[in-house]
C-alpha atoms as a PDB file:
ATOM      1  CA  MET A   1      10.239 -22.255  94.079  1.00  0.00           C
ATOM      2  CA  THR A   2       7.065 -22.015  92.001  1.00  0.00           C
ATOM      3  CA  ARG A   3       7.010 -22.616  88.292  1.00  0.00           C
ATOM      4  CA  LYS A   4       4.411 -21.387  85.894  1.00  0.00           C
ATOM      5  CA  ALA A   5       2.251 -24.047  84.376  1.00  0.00           C
ATOM      6  CA  ASP A   6       2.867 -22.989  80.752  1.00  0.00           C
ATOM      7  CA  GLY A   7       6.668 -23.112  81.105  1.00  0.00           C
ATOM      8  CA  MET A   8       7.450 -20.110  78.887  1.00  0.00           C
ATOM      9  CA  PRO A   9       9.735 -17.476  80.401  1.00  0.00           C
ATOM     10  CA  HIS A  10       8.527 -13.867  80.221  1.00  0.00           C
ATOM     11  CA  HIS A  11       5.117 -15.079  79.090  1.00  0.00           C
ATOM     12  CA  ASP A  12       3.323 -11.840  79.925  1.00  0.00           C
ATOM     13  CA  VAL A  13       5.859  -9.620  78.085  1.00  0.00           C
ATOM     14  CA  VAL A  14       5.800 -11.767  74.945  1.00  0.00           C
ATOM     15  CA  GLN A  15       2.011 -11.843  74.967  1.00  0.00           C
ATOM     16  CA  ASP A  16       1.848  -8.036  75.279  1.00  0.00           C
ATOM     17  CA  LEU A  17       4.260  -7.614  72.349  1.00  0.00           C
ATOM     18  CA  LEU A  18       2.193  -9.973  70.167  1.00  0.00           C
ATOM     19  CA  ILE A  19      -1.042  -8.173  71.009  1.00  0.00           C
ATOM     20  CA  GLU A  20       0.542  -4.789  70.245  1.00  0.00           C
ATOM     21  CA  GLN A  21       1.817  -6.064  66.852  1.00  0.00           C
ATOM     22  CA  MET A  22      -1.609  -7.473  65.962  1.00  0.00           C
ATOM     23  CA  ARG A  23      -3.257  -4.134  66.786  1.00  0.00           C
ATOM     24  CA  ARG A  24      -0.786  -2.307  64.511  1.00  0.00           C
ATOM     25  CA  ASP A  25      -1.392  -4.806  61.681  1.00  0.00           C
ATOM     26  CA  LEU A  26      -5.168  -4.533  61.997  1.00  0.00           C
ATOM     27  CA  SER A  27      -5.132  -0.720  62.059  1.00  0.00           C
ATOM     28  CA  ARG A  28      -2.822  -0.440  59.023  1.00  0.00           C
ATOM     29  CA  VAL A  29      -4.496   0.778  55.795  1.00  0.00           C
ATOM     30  CA  PRO A  30      -4.478  -1.908  53.043  1.00  0.00           C
ATOM     31  CA  TRP A  31      -1.956  -1.154  50.284  1.00  0.00           C
ATOM     32  CA  TRP A  32      -4.620  -0.631  47.614  1.00  0.00           C
ATOM     33  CA  LYS A  33      -6.201   2.162  49.679  1.00  0.00           C
ATOM     34  CA  THR A  34      -2.996   4.199  49.928  1.00  0.00           C
ATOM     35  CA  LEU A  35      -2.107   6.930  47.431  1.00  0.00           C
ATOM     36  CA  TRP A  36       0.732   4.846  45.946  1.00  0.00           C
ATOM     37  CA  GLY A  37      -1.487   1.780  45.738  1.00  0.00           C
ATOM     38  CA  ARG A  38      -4.199   3.661  43.848  1.00  0.00           C
ATOM     39  CA  PHE A  39      -1.580   5.223  41.573  1.00  0.00           C
ATOM     40  CA  SER A  40      -0.103   1.772  40.842  1.00  0.00           C
ATOM     41  CA  ILE A  41      -3.514   0.305  40.022  1.00  0.00           C
ATOM     42  CA  ALA A  42      -4.430   3.233  37.736  1.00  0.00           C
ATOM     43  CA  SER A  43      -1.093   3.143  35.876  1.00  0.00           C
ATOM     44  CA  GLY A  44      -1.286  -0.617  35.450  1.00  0.00           C
ATOM     45  CA  ALA A  45      -4.788  -0.340  34.019  1.00  0.00           C
ATOM     46  CA  LEU A  46      -3.724   2.422  31.613  1.00  0.00           C
ATOM     47  CA  LEU A  47      -0.728   0.378  30.517  1.00  0.00           C
ATOM     48  CA  ILE A  48      -2.876  -2.681  29.811  1.00  0.00           C
ATOM     49  CA  VAL A  49      -5.424  -0.618  27.844  1.00  0.00           C
ATOM     50  CA  GLY A  50      -2.649   1.102  25.870  1.00  0.00           C
ATOM     51  CA  LEU A  51      -0.990  -2.187  24.971  1.00  0.00           C
ATOM     52  CA  GLY A  52      -4.344  -3.618  23.924  1.00  0.00           C
ATOM     53  CA  VAL A  53      -5.087  -0.683  21.629  1.00  0.00           C
ATOM     54  CA  ALA A  54      -1.579  -0.841  20.126  1.00  0.00           C
ATOM     55  CA  ALA A  55      -1.923  -4.579  19.491  1.00  0.00           C
ATOM     56  CA  VAL A  56      -5.278  -4.104  17.762  1.00  0.00           C
ATOM     57  CA  VAL A  57      -3.920  -1.318  15.545  1.00  0.00           C
ATOM     58  CA  ILE A  58      -0.737  -3.171  14.583  1.00  0.00           C
ATOM     59  CA  LEU A  59      -2.235  -6.642  14.182  1.00  0.00           C
ATOM     60  CA  GLU A  60      -5.392  -5.540  12.380  1.00  0.00           C
ATOM     61  CA  GLU A  61      -5.773  -7.406   9.105  1.00  0.00           C
ATOM     62  CA  ARG A  62      -6.335  -5.116   6.156  1.00  0.00           C
ATOM     63  CA  PRO A  63      -7.210  -5.609   2.519  1.00  0.00           C
ATOM     64  CA  VAL A  64      -5.006  -4.264  -0.275  1.00  0.00           C
ATOM     65  CA  ASN A  65      -6.785  -1.172  -1.591  1.00  0.00           C
ATOM     66  CA  GLU A  66      -4.055   0.299  -3.794  1.00  0.00           C
ATOM     67  CA  THR A  67      -3.242  -2.189  -6.575  1.00  0.00           C
ATOM     68  CA  SER A  68      -1.202   0.092  -8.806  1.00  0.00           C
ATOM     69  CA  ILE A  69       1.943  -0.427  -6.678  1.00  0.00           C
ATOM     70  CA  VAL A  70       3.477  -3.545  -5.099  1.00  0.00           C
ATOM     71  CA  HIS A  71       6.515  -3.387  -2.848  1.00  0.00           C
ATOM     72  CA  CYS A  72       8.775  -6.401  -3.521  1.00  0.00           C
ATOM     73  CA  MET A  73      11.069  -6.705  -0.539  1.00  0.00           C
ATOM     74  CA  GLU A  74      14.631  -7.940  -0.876  1.00  0.00           C
ATOM     75  CA  ARG A  75      14.839  -9.197   2.722  1.00  0.00           C
ATOM     76  CA  PRO A  76      12.306  -9.709   5.509  1.00  0.00           C
ATOM     77  CA  ARG A  77      13.369  -6.642   7.506  1.00  0.00           C
ATOM     78  CA  LEU A  78      13.318  -2.879   7.167  1.00  0.00           C
ATOM     79  CA  ASN A  79      16.203  -0.708   6.045  1.00  0.00           C
ATOM     80  CA  ALA A  80      18.128   1.221   8.704  1.00  0.00           C
ATOM     81  CA  ASP A  81      16.042   4.321   8.003  1.00  0.00           C
ATOM     82  CA  GLY A  82      12.756   2.408   8.459  1.00  0.00           C
ATOM     83  CA  THR A  83      11.836   2.107   4.773  1.00  0.00           C
ATOM     84  CA  LEU A  84      10.986  -1.134   3.021  1.00  0.00           C
ATOM     85  CA  SER A  85      13.919  -2.965   1.451  1.00  0.00           C
ATOM     86  CA  GLY A  86      13.759  -3.872  -2.235  1.00  0.00           C
ATOM     87  CA  ALA A  87      11.808  -2.059  -4.924  1.00  0.00           C
ATOM     88  CA  ALA A  88       8.327  -0.830  -5.665  1.00  0.00           C
ATOM     89  CA  VAL A  89       6.751  -2.204  -8.855  1.00  0.00           C
ATOM     90  CA  SER A  90       4.145  -0.569 -11.019  1.00  0.00           C
ATOM     91  CA  ILE A  91       2.942  -1.775 -14.426  1.00  0.00           C
ATOM     92  CA  ALA A  92       2.351   1.050 -16.851  1.00  0.00           C
ATOM     93  CA  THR A  93       0.879   0.960 -20.343  1.00  0.00           C
ATOM     94  CA  PRO A  94       0.274   3.748 -22.832  1.00  0.00           C
ATOM     95  CA  ASP A  95      -3.284   3.895 -21.485  1.00  0.00           C
ATOM     96  CA  GLY A  96      -2.191   4.287 -17.856  1.00  0.00           C
ATOM     97  CA  VAL A  97      -1.262   2.142 -14.873  1.00  0.00           C
ATOM     98  CA  VAL A  98      -2.591  -1.432 -14.794  1.00  0.00           C
ATOM     99  CA  ALA A  99      -3.901  -2.897 -11.546  1.00  0.00           C
ATOM    100  CA  ILE A 100      -1.741  -5.739 -10.211  1.00  0.00           C
ATOM    101  CA  GLU A 101      -3.897  -8.732  -9.377  1.00  0.00           C
ATOM    102  CA  ASP A 102      -1.169 -11.161  -8.194  1.00  0.00           C
ATOM    103  CA  ALA A 103       1.503  -9.463  -6.093  1.00  0.00           C
ATOM    104  CA  GLU A 104       3.400 -12.701  -5.412  1.00  0.00           C
ATOM    105  CA  ALA A 105       3.723 -13.444  -9.144  1.00  0.00           C
ATOM    106  CA  VAL A 106       5.082  -9.955  -9.822  1.00  0.00           C
ATOM    107  CA  CYS A 107       7.665 -10.297  -7.058  1.00  0.00           C
ATOM    108  CA  THR A 108       8.616 -13.811  -8.170  1.00  0.00           C
ATOM    109  CA  GLN A 109       9.244 -12.396 -11.636  1.00  0.00           C
ATOM    110  CA  MET A 110      11.365  -9.607 -10.110  1.00  0.00           C
ATOM    111  CA  TRP A 111      13.449 -12.152  -8.182  1.00  0.00           C
ATOM    112  CA  GLU A 112      13.891 -14.454 -11.186  1.00  0.00           C
ATOM    113  CA  SER A 113      14.905 -11.559 -13.421  1.00  0.00           C
ATOM    114  CA  GLY A 114      17.874 -10.916 -11.135  1.00  0.00           C
ATOM    115  CA  ALA A 115      16.691  -7.581  -9.784  1.00  0.00           C
ATOM    116  CA  PHE A 116      17.781  -8.455  -6.231  1.00  0.00           C
ATOM    117  CA  GLY A 117      20.923 -10.466  -7.015  1.00  0.00           C
ATOM    118  CA  GLU A 118      22.813  -7.739  -8.872  1.00  0.00           C
ATOM    119  CA  THR A 119      24.929  -5.328  -6.837  1.00  0.00           C
ATOM    120  CA  ASP A 120      24.919  -2.692  -9.599  1.00  0.00           C
ATOM    121  CA  PRO A 121      21.379  -1.251  -9.826  1.00  0.00           C
ATOM    122  CA  LEU A 122      22.157   0.296 -13.252  1.00  0.00           C
ATOM    123  CA  SER A 123      23.270  -2.971 -14.867  1.00  0.00           C
ATOM    124  CA  PRO A 124      21.475  -3.312 -18.252  1.00  0.00           C
ATOM    125  CA  SER A 125      21.348  -7.123 -18.126  1.00  0.00           C
ATOM    126  CA  PRO A 126      21.416  -8.596 -14.606  1.00  0.00           C
ATOM    127  CA  ALA A 127      22.059 -12.310 -14.173  1.00  0.00           C
ATOM    128  CA  PRO A 128      18.938 -14.422 -13.532  1.00  0.00           C
ATOM    129  CA  GLY A 129      18.144 -15.000  -9.864  1.00  0.00           C
ATOM    130  CA  VAL A 130      16.334 -17.573  -7.781  1.00  0.00           C
ATOM    131  CA  ALA A 131      13.022 -16.637  -6.215  1.00  0.00           C
ATOM    132  CA  PRO A 132      12.256 -17.643  -2.628  1.00  0.00           C
ATOM    133  CA  GLN A 133       9.928 -20.616  -2.162  1.00  0.00           C
ATOM    134  CA  GLU A 134       7.487 -18.723   0.060  1.00  0.00           C
ATOM    135  CA  PHE A 135       6.353 -15.137   0.409  1.00  0.00           C
ATOM    136  CA  THR A 136       4.361 -13.212   2.997  1.00  0.00           C
ATOM    137  CA  ILE A 137       1.958 -10.523   1.826  1.00  0.00           C
ATOM    138  CA  CYS A 138       1.616  -7.575   4.184  1.00  0.00           C
ATOM    139  CA  VAL A 139      -0.259  -4.305   3.781  1.00  0.00           C
ATOM    140  CA  THR A 140       1.174  -0.820   4.315  1.00  0.00           C
ATOM    141  CA  ASP A 141      -0.772   1.954   6.046  1.00  0.00           C
ATOM    142  CA  ASP A 142      -1.555   3.317   2.550  1.00  0.00           C
ATOM    143  CA  GLY A 143      -3.204   0.021   1.529  1.00  0.00           C
ATOM    144  CA  GLU A 144      -0.366  -1.126  -0.759  1.00  0.00           C
ATOM    145  CA  ALA A 145       0.864  -4.731  -0.905  1.00  0.00           C
ATOM    146  CA  ALA A 146       4.331  -5.408   0.486  1.00  0.00           C
ATOM    147  CA  VAL A 147       5.630  -8.874  -0.399  1.00  0.00           C
ATOM    148  CA  ALA A 148       8.425 -10.154   1.853  1.00  0.00           C
ATOM    149  CA  PRO A 149      10.469 -13.306   1.183  1.00  0.00           C
ATOM    150  CA  GLY A 150       9.809 -16.175   3.603  1.00  0.00           C
ATOM    151  CA  LEU A 151       7.171 -16.664   6.241  1.00  0.00           C
ATOM    152  CA  ILE A 152       7.242 -13.806   8.758  1.00  0.00           C
ATOM    153  CA  GLU A 153       4.921 -11.845  10.993  1.00  0.00           C
ATOM    154  CA  CYS A 154       3.967  -8.560   9.351  1.00  0.00           C
ATOM    155  CA  SER A 155       4.094  -6.766  12.704  1.00  0.00           C
ATOM    156  CA  VAL A 156       7.899  -7.234  12.672  1.00  0.00           C
ATOM    157  CA  LEU A 157       7.956  -4.941   9.624  1.00  0.00           C
ATOM    158  CA  LYS A 158       5.462  -2.530  11.232  1.00  0.00           C
ATOM    159  CA  LEU A 159       2.936  -3.558   8.583  1.00  0.00           C
ATOM    160  CA  HIS A 160      -0.537  -5.065   8.756  1.00  0.00           C
ATOM    161  CA  PRO A 161      -1.275  -8.696   7.865  1.00  0.00           C
ATOM    162  CA  HIS A 162      -3.077  -9.218   4.563  1.00  0.00           C
ATOM    163  CA  GLN A 163      -6.721 -10.043   5.072  1.00  0.00           C
ATOM    164  CA  PRO A 164      -7.090 -13.728   4.174  1.00  0.00           C
ATOM    165  CA  ASN A 165      -9.474 -14.788   1.405  1.00  0.00           C
ATOM    166  CA  VAL A 166      -9.641 -11.231   0.072  1.00  0.00           C
ATOM    167  CA  PRO A 167      -8.029 -10.854  -3.361  1.00  0.00           C
ATOM    168  CA  LEU A 168      -5.915  -7.790  -4.052  1.00  0.00           C
ATOM    169  CA  GLY A 169      -7.872  -4.660  -4.837  1.00  0.00           C
ATOM    170  CA  ARG A 170     -11.168  -5.836  -3.346  1.00  0.00           C
END
């Protein structure tokens, strides 16, 4: 009885199967050259570009251009209908509306006057309140200041961050 030197049974059949599989693998079109591959690459690129544009628009720092109104927020989140919580403040005189130079001071005064502690909005003399220690100034799409209690990211409120080192109305 003669034995093969390599010792592997069915050596020729296994070798033919391996060669056939290698030919199929080498003749297969790479995934990125197929229709689905090209579609996946194009949609991924569009998604990345879209997210980049959205991030730039939302996170763009803006100055406060409209100083006649300041939105003092009661809590650092939006109302259920998407509006800002709290109240809008405007200072009027017989000569007209005065520009507000310090939005944080106006909102601190609103908090300390009890405007956000009273449950009855028509109460003639609300009890004094306690103002938060820190505020975050954000900017609406209309260029108005929105002052939220605490330190938050303005993008959570769908607002723009206030441009640092730029005073209100500049």
